[in-house]
């Protein structure tokens, strides 16, 4: 998790819909870190990096997810 570069799509997330994410979190089949890694992999695969004005570094996003999971 110390890398800020691209990451593999190691888990398939069919929907980023809030209700679906909530159900997956409640069932403990998905973590916020899984979602972050998946979204960042999709972002890094997108051909136009200019879409994003600013992107929080992956390591920083993962640290924040870990902090939230610990609460």
Protein backbone atom coordinates (compact mmCIF):
# COMPACT_ATOMS: atom_id res chain seq x y z
CA UNK A 1 0.00 0.00 0.00
CA UNK A 2 2.97 2.27 -0.06
CA UNK A 3 2.83 2.67 -3.82
CA UNK A 4 1.20 5.61 -5.49
CA UNK A 5 1.35 4.06 -8.96
CA UNK A 6 -1.17 1.92 -10.78
CA UNK A 7 -2.57 -1.09 -9.00
CA UNK A 8 -4.15 -4.27 -10.35
CA UNK A 9 -7.89 -4.84 -10.44
CA UNK A 10 -7.60 -7.60 -7.85
CA UNK A 11 -11.30 -7.57 -7.00
CA UNK A 12 -14.31 -7.09 -9.25
CA UNK A 13 -16.75 -4.44 -8.05
CA UNK A 14 -19.83 -4.57 -10.26
CA UNK A 15 -21.35 -1.35 -8.94
CA UNK A 16 -20.24 1.78 -7.12
CA UNK A 17 -23.86 2.54 -6.27
CA UNK A 18 -24.12 3.61 -2.61
CA UNK A 19 -26.75 0.99 -1.77
CA UNK A 20 -24.65 -1.78 -3.30
CA UNK A 21 -21.49 -0.61 -1.55
CA UNK A 22 -23.31 -0.39 1.78
CA UNK A 23 -24.64 -3.94 1.37
CA UNK A 24 -21.15 -5.22 0.53
CA UNK A 25 -19.61 -3.39 3.50
CA UNK A 26 -22.32 -4.74 5.82
CA UNK A 27 -21.77 -8.28 4.53
CA UNK A 28 -18.02 -7.74 4.89
CA UNK A 29 -17.45 -8.92 1.33
CA UNK A 30 -15.79 -5.64 0.41
CA UNK A 31 -13.60 -3.12 2.20
CA UNK A 32 -13.04 0.55 1.55
CA UNK A 33 -9.48 -0.36 0.56
CA UNK A 34 -10.85 -2.76 -2.08
CA UNK A 35 -12.94 0.07 -3.53
CA UNK A 36 -10.04 2.52 -3.49
CA UNK A 37 -7.66 0.08 -5.20
CA UNK A 38 -10.30 -0.76 -7.81
CA UNK A 39 -11.15 2.88 -8.56
CA UNK A 40 -7.49 3.90 -8.77
CA UNK A 41 -6.79 1.01 -11.17
CA UNK A 42 -9.63 2.22 -13.39
CA UNK A 43 -8.33 5.79 -13.19
CA UNK A 44 -4.80 4.73 -14.15
CA UNK A 45 -6.17 2.75 -17.11
CA UNK A 46 -8.16 5.72 -18.43
CA UNK A 47 -6.43 7.17 -21.50
CA UNK A 48 -6.81 10.87 -20.61
CA UNK A 49 -5.12 11.81 -17.31
CA UNK A 50 -6.30 15.42 -17.74
CA UNK A 51 -9.77 14.36 -16.57
CA UNK A 52 -8.58 14.74 -12.99
CA UNK A 53 -7.64 18.18 -11.69
CA UNK A 54 -6.14 16.62 -8.57
CA UNK A 55 -5.91 13.02 -7.44
CA UNK A 56 -5.02 12.17 -3.85
CA UNK A 57 -2.01 9.82 -3.95
CA UNK A 58 -3.03 6.17 -3.60
CA UNK A 59 -0.95 5.69 -0.45
CA UNK A 60 -2.67 8.65 1.20
CA UNK A 61 -6.13 7.38 0.24
CA UNK A 62 -5.30 3.90 1.59
CA UNK A 63 -3.99 5.35 4.85
CA UNK A 64 -7.22 7.28 5.31
CA UNK A 65 -9.29 4.16 4.55
CA UNK A 66 -7.33 2.23 7.18
CA UNK A 67 -7.90 5.01 9.71
CA UNK A 68 -11.64 4.98 9.02
CA UNK A 69 -11.79 1.17 9.27
CA UNK A 70 -10.14 1.35 12.69
CA UNK A 71 -12.90 3.57 14.10
